[in-house]
Protein backbone atom coordinates (compact mmCIF):
# COMPACT_ATOMS: atom_id res chain seq x y z
CA LEU A 1 -22.53 4.78 7.74
CA SER A 2 -26.01 5.05 9.56
CA ASP A 3 -25.49 1.64 11.06
CA GLY A 4 -22.55 2.87 13.43
CA ALA A 5 -19.81 1.20 10.99
CA SER A 6 -17.97 4.65 10.74
CA SER A 7 -17.59 5.10 14.56
CA VAL A 8 -14.01 4.67 16.04
CA PRO A 9 -13.89 1.20 17.84
CA SER A 10 -12.72 1.48 21.48
CA VAL A 11 -10.67 -2.21 21.15
CA PRO A 12 -6.68 -1.41 21.34
CA SER A 13 -4.93 -2.24 18.26
CA PRO A 14 -3.46 -5.73 18.09
CA PRO A 15 0.23 -6.19 19.36
CA MET A 16 3.23 -5.94 16.80
CA ILE A 17 4.13 -9.03 15.01
CA PRO A 18 7.08 -10.33 16.86
CA ASP A 19 10.23 -10.21 14.76
CA ALA A 20 10.53 -14.09 14.87
CA LEU A 21 7.61 -14.31 12.90
CA LYS A 22 8.19 -11.72 10.73
CA ASP A 23 11.21 -13.65 9.69
CA LEU A 24 9.44 -16.96 8.93
CA LEU A 25 6.61 -15.27 6.99
CA SER A 26 9.65 -13.40 4.91
CA ASP A 27 11.27 -16.82 4.44
CA GLU A 28 9.95 -18.47 0.91
CA GLU A 29 10.67 -21.85 1.71
CA THR A 30 8.56 -21.65 5.19
CA ARG A 31 5.58 -19.74 3.41
CA GLU A 32 5.49 -22.89 0.55
CA ALA A 33 5.75 -25.30 3.63
CA VAL A 34 3.14 -23.71 5.06
CA ARG A 35 0.76 -23.73 2.05
CA LYS A 36 1.44 -27.28 1.28
CA SER A 37 0.81 -28.14 4.68
CA LEU A 38 -2.52 -26.27 4.56
CA PRO A 39 -4.46 -26.78 1.44
CA GLY A 40 -7.15 -24.70 0.89
CA VAL A 41 -5.93 -21.71 2.61
CA ALA A 42 -5.76 -19.70 -0.40
CA THR A 43 -9.59 -20.71 -1.31
CA LEU A 44 -10.76 -19.91 2.01
CA GLY A 45 -9.05 -16.61 2.04
CA ARG A 46 -10.53 -15.81 -1.47
CA ARG A 47 -14.04 -16.48 -0.32
CA ILE A 48 -13.61 -14.72 3.09
CA GLY A 49 -12.39 -11.51 1.12
CA ALA A 50 -15.34 -12.03 -1.41
CA GLY A 51 -17.51 -12.21 1.61
CA LEU A 52 -16.54 -9.09 3.13
CA LEU A 53 -16.82 -7.41 -0.21
CA ARG A 54 -20.34 -8.52 -0.44
CA ARG A 55 -21.24 -7.38 3.01
CA ALA A 56 -19.79 -3.97 2.06
CA ALA A 57 -22.11 -3.77 -0.95
CA TYR A 58 -25.43 -4.75 1.18
CA ARG A 59 -24.15 -2.38 3.92
CA ALA A 60 -23.89 0.54 1.40
CA ASP A 61 -27.13 -0.48 -0.34
CA VAL A 62 -29.08 -0.24 2.78
CA SER A 63 -27.70 2.83 3.96
CA ALA A 64 -29.82 5.92 4.65
CA VAL A 65 -27.06 8.55 4.49
CA LEU A 66 -25.44 7.87 1.11
CA PRO A 67 -26.58 9.46 -2.01
CA GLN A 68 -27.96 7.03 -4.65
CA GLN A 69 -25.11 7.63 -6.96
CA ALA A 70 -22.57 6.73 -4.33
CA LYS A 71 -24.60 3.50 -3.20
CA GLN A 72 -24.69 2.18 -6.66
CA ALA A 73 -20.89 2.59 -7.01
CA PHE A 74 -20.28 0.89 -4.10
CA VAL A 75 -22.65 -1.88 -4.61
CA GLU A 76 -21.77 -2.25 -8.51
CA GLY A 77 -18.11 -2.24 -7.81
CA ASN A 78 -17.39 -4.18 -4.77
CA THR A 79 -19.81 -6.83 -5.98
CA ALA A 80 -18.13 -7.17 -9.14
CA LEU A 81 -14.71 -7.43 -7.70
CA ALA A 82 -16.15 -10.04 -5.20
CA ASN A 83 -17.67 -12.17 -8.17
CA ALA A 84 -14.19 -11.96 -9.66
CA ILE A 85 -12.37 -13.19 -6.76
CA ASP A 86 -15.11 -15.87 -5.91
CA PRO A 87 -17.68 -16.35 -8.52
CA VAL A 88 -21.26 -16.91 -7.11
CA LYS A 89 -22.63 -20.55 -7.67
CA VAL A 90 -25.71 -20.59 -9.55
CA THR A 91 -27.83 -23.61 -10.08
CA ASN A 92 -30.10 -23.94 -13.15
CA GLU A 93 -32.89 -25.90 -11.48
CA GLU A 94 -34.66 -27.02 -14.52
CA ASN A 95 -31.33 -28.52 -16.30
CA ASN A 96 -29.44 -29.02 -13.11
CA ILE A 97 -26.33 -27.51 -13.94
CA ASP A 98 -23.96 -25.93 -11.98
CA LYS A 99 -22.24 -22.51 -13.28
CA ARG A 100 -19.26 -21.58 -11.02
């Protein structure tokens, strides 16, 4: 893209996940214990994912190098997926209604 996002990063890739951590993550009881001890992790993950999709839609929309049809496809697709994952909070000022 025109903002340099398509360039190859110079940061080295992260180290491999140690085998012990892989074993913990593959254990159902451990994952359940983590999920119970960290309430809100799923919500946070959804919001981060939706935010990344919305950011990608914005960047595609302001790109000077993408054809208009490609921009439209990226923006509509990413925005729809983001809204399905984490709906945008819309407030009706007149009726003070929160639609989420």
